[in-house]
Amino acid sequence: MFKEEREESKFEWNMLGNIQAGRPNLGTTMDVAVYRLMQFTLRDVLIQKYGVEEADEIYFNAGEHAGKEFYKNLIKEKKDFNKFILELQEVLSNLKIGIMRIEKADLEKMKFTIVVAEDLDCSGLPVSGEQICTYDEGFLSGILKSFTGMEFDVKEVDCWCSGDRVCRFSAEKKS
């Protein structure tokens, strides 16, 4: 039996497959609950096995890798920041990931406040006092790094699960 052990990522966008060919009757969409079922059971198992800190690191790294691949394969605007943001907003909305807006932007310092409403990961979950969108932190970090070529610290500062009705992220270029 072949084992997939590896030291580096082997993921490529084409590994997502031809969904339309493989699902001619069910199509390309599914219920958000099914996505969350996979996400939260996987996170639960990772926490049980490795603890919260390690599970969050895994989720952040996976999100960051996904953000880079997302940018490379779905974002066409690579030069103008405002056009890039408009395209990113459109793609995120069209894919039903969330409704994103930039609340604050300082292009000189490369510091942003990014808000996502109707977030795929947590909108509608019960209030738990936690901020759970670690995957999204990585995802946004990967997208910003891909556009700018710079590393970013991205941290969720408000979350649906902590009582807010949007997810708010602080993103700042690493020093």
Protein backbone atom coordinates (compact mmCIF):
# COMPACT_ATOMS: atom_id res chain seq x y z
CA MET A 1 0.00 0.00 0.00
CA PHE A 2 1.28 3.49 -0.93
CA LYS A 3 1.74 5.97 1.94
CA GLU A 4 1.54 9.69 1.34
CA GLU A 5 4.12 10.77 3.91
CA ARG A 6 5.97 13.93 2.93
CA GLU A 7 8.09 16.76 4.22
CA GLU A 8 6.68 19.39 1.84
CA SER A 9 3.33 20.09 0.25
CA LYS A 10 2.45 18.25 -2.91
CA PHE A 11 -0.92 19.99 -3.29
CA GLU A 12 -1.77 21.34 -6.73
CA TRP A 13 -5.00 23.04 -7.75
CA ASN A 14 -5.82 20.26 -10.23
CA MET A 15 -6.09 17.85 -7.27
CA LEU A 16 -9.53 19.39 -6.69
CA GLY A 17 -10.54 17.46 -9.81
CA ASN A 18 -13.20 18.10 -12.41
CA ILE A 19 -16.13 18.52 -10.07
CA GLN A 20 -18.68 19.11 -12.83
CA ALA A 21 -17.70 15.86 -14.58
CA GLY A 22 -17.65 13.91 -11.32
CA ARG A 23 -20.95 15.33 -10.01
CA PRO A 24 -23.17 15.76 -13.08
CA ASN A 25 -26.35 15.47 -11.02
CA LEU A 26 -25.40 17.02 -7.68
CA GLY A 27 -23.30 19.87 -9.11
CA THR A 28 -20.57 21.97 -7.54
CA THR A 29 -22.33 23.18 -4.39
CA MET A 30 -23.22 21.61 -1.06
CA ASP A 31 -24.75 22.66 2.23
CA VAL A 32 -22.55 24.75 4.57
CA ALA A 33 -23.35 22.29 7.38
CA VAL A 34 -21.48 19.53 5.52
CA TYR A 35 -18.38 21.73 5.16
CA ARG A 36 -18.56 22.63 8.86
CA LEU A 37 -19.05 18.96 9.80
CA MET A 38 -15.71 18.15 8.16
CA GLN A 39 -13.99 21.27 9.50
CA PHE A 40 -15.06 20.99 13.14
CA THR A 41 -14.68 17.22 13.49
CA LEU A 42 -11.18 17.48 12.01
CA ARG A 43 -10.33 20.35 14.39
CA ASP A 44 -11.73 18.36 17.32
CA VAL A 45 -9.55 15.34 16.49
CA LEU A 46 -6.48 17.56 16.03
CA ILE A 47 -7.08 19.22 19.41
CA GLN A 48 -7.50 15.83 21.12
CA LYS A 49 -4.30 14.52 19.57
CA TYR A 50 -2.06 17.63 19.60
CA GLY A 51 -3.69 20.31 21.77
CA VAL A 52 -5.25 23.66 20.82
CA GLU A 53 -2.02 25.48 19.98
CA GLU A 54 -0.79 22.81 17.57
CA ALA A 55 -4.26 22.38 16.02
CA ASP A 56 -4.47 26.14 15.45
CA GLU A 57 -1.02 26.14 13.86
CA ILE A 58 -2.07 23.33 11.51
CA TYR A 59 -5.29 25.16 10.60
CA PHE A 60 -3.44 28.45 10.03
CA ASN A 61 -0.80 26.77 7.84
CA ALA A 62 -3.45 24.96 5.81
CA GLY A 63 -5.39 28.20 5.40
CA GLU A 64 -2.24 30.04 4.33
CA HIS A 65 -1.44 27.39 1.74
CA ALA A 66 -5.04 27.51 0.51
CA GLY A 67 -4.89 31.32 0.29
CA LYS A 68 -1.77 31.16 -1.89
CA GLU A 69 -3.33 28.55 -4.20
CA PHE A 70 -6.62 30.48 -4.28
CA TYR A 71 -4.76 33.65 -5.32
CA LYS A 72 -2.65 31.85 -7.92
CA ASN A 73 -5.61 30.09 -9.53
CA LEU A 74 -8.60 32.41 -9.09
CA ILE A 75 -7.31 35.99 -8.86
CA LYS A 76 -6.32 37.65 -12.12
CA GLU A 77 -5.49 41.19 -10.92
CA LYS A 78 -1.86 41.13 -9.81
CA LYS A 79 -0.81 44.81 -9.84
CA ASP A 80 -3.36 47.39 -8.67
CA PHE A 81 -4.36 47.01 -5.00
CA ASN A 82 -7.86 48.50 -5.35
CA LYS A 83 -8.68 46.35 -8.39
CA PHE A 84 -7.23 43.31 -6.61
CA ILE A 85 -9.51 43.93 -3.60
CA LEU A 86 -12.57 44.39 -5.84
CA GLU A 87 -11.83 41.13 -7.63
CA LEU A 88 -11.17 39.31 -4.35
CA GLN A 89 -14.49 40.55 -2.94
CA GLU A 90 -16.31 39.35 -6.04
CA VAL A 91 -14.68 35.91 -6.06
CA LEU A 92 -15.29 35.36 -2.33
CA SER A 93 -18.92 36.37 -2.75
CA ASN A 94 -19.47 34.30 -5.91
CA LEU A 95 -18.03 31.22 -4.20
CA LYS A 96 -20.18 31.97 -1.15
CA ILE A 97 -17.16 32.08 1.17
CA GLY A 98 -18.16 35.42 2.65
CA ILE A 99 -18.81 39.09 2.02
CA MET A 100 -15.51 40.88 2.49
CA ARG A 101 -14.76 44.56 2.89
CA ILE A 102 -11.72 46.55 3.87
CA GLU A 103 -12.60 48.63 6.91
CA LYS A 104 -9.21 50.35 7.18
CA ALA A 105 -6.19 50.36 4.89
CA ASP A 106 -2.78 51.92 5.32
CA LEU A 107 -0.84 51.01 2.18
CA GLU A 108 2.29 52.78 3.42
CA LYS A 109 2.50 50.64 6.58
CA MET A 110 0.76 47.68 4.92
CA LYS A 111 -1.76 47.49 7.75
CA PHE A 112 -5.39 46.53 7.17
CA THR A 113 -8.61 45.78 8.97
CA ILE A 114 -10.58 43.24 6.97
CA VAL A 115 -14.20 42.39 7.74
CA VAL A 116 -15.98 39.27 6.52
CA ALA A 117 -19.75 38.98 6.92
CA GLU A 118 -21.63 35.71 6.47
CA ASP A 119 -18.33 33.90 6.97
CA LEU A 120 -18.40 30.28 5.80
CA ASP A 121 -16.68 29.06 8.95
CA CYS A 122 -18.67 30.58 11.77
CA SER A 123 -21.63 32.82 10.90
CA GLY A 124 -24.65 31.51 12.77
CA LEU A 125 -22.73 29.43 15.32
CA PRO A 126 -23.61 29.80 19.00
CA VAL A 127 -21.69 32.39 20.99
CA SER A 128 -18.87 30.61 22.82
CA GLY A 129 -16.58 33.51 23.68
CA GLU A 130 -13.95 32.09 21.32
CA GLN A 131 -12.47 33.41 18.12
CA ILE A 132 -12.32 30.32 15.93
CA CYS A 133 -11.39 31.49 12.44
CA THR A 134 -7.75 30.40 12.52
CA TYR A 135 -8.03 28.87 9.04
CA ASP A 136 -9.32 32.22 7.76
CA GLU A 137 -6.36 34.02 9.37
CA GLY A 138 -4.03 31.81 7.37
CA PHE A 139 -6.15 32.13 4.22
CA LEU A 140 -6.00 35.93 4.33
CA SER A 141 -2.28 35.83 5.15
CA GLY A 142 -1.63 33.64 2.11
CA ILE A 143 -3.64 35.88 -0.21
CA LEU A 144 -1.94 39.07 1.04
CA LYS A 145 1.51 37.49 0.81
CA SER A 146 0.80 36.34 -2.72
CA PHE A 147 -0.29 39.82 -3.82
CA THR A 148 2.40 41.84 -2.02
CA GLY A 149 5.32 39.40 -1.76
CA MET A 150 5.49 40.24 1.98
CA GLU A 151 4.77 38.16 5.08
CA PHE A 152 1.73 39.22 7.13
CA ASP A 153 0.56 38.72 10.69
CA VAL A 154 -3.19 38.19 10.47
CA LYS A 155 -5.23 37.87 13.64
CA GLU A 156 -8.96 37.65 14.14
CA VAL A 157 -10.04 40.41 16.54
CA ASP A 158 -13.84 39.94 16.38
CA CYS A 159 -15.79 36.76 15.61
CA TRP A 160 -19.40 35.65 15.39
CA CYS A 161 -18.57 33.14 18.14
CA SER A 162 -17.36 35.89 20.45
CA GLY A 163 -20.64 37.76 20.04
CA ASP A 164 -20.00 39.91 16.99
CA ARG A 165 -22.01 39.52 13.81
CA VAL A 166 -18.99 39.70 11.50
CA CYS A 167 -15.44 38.40 11.58
CA ARG A 168 -12.87 41.17 11.76
CA PHE A 169 -9.19 40.60 11.08
CA SER A 170 -6.16 42.75 11.70
CA ALA A 171 -3.49 42.25 9.03
CA GLU A 172 -0.07 43.83 9.30
CA LYS A 173 3.16 43.35 7.41
CA LYS A 174 5.67 41.46 9.53
CA SER A 175 8.70 43.49 10.55
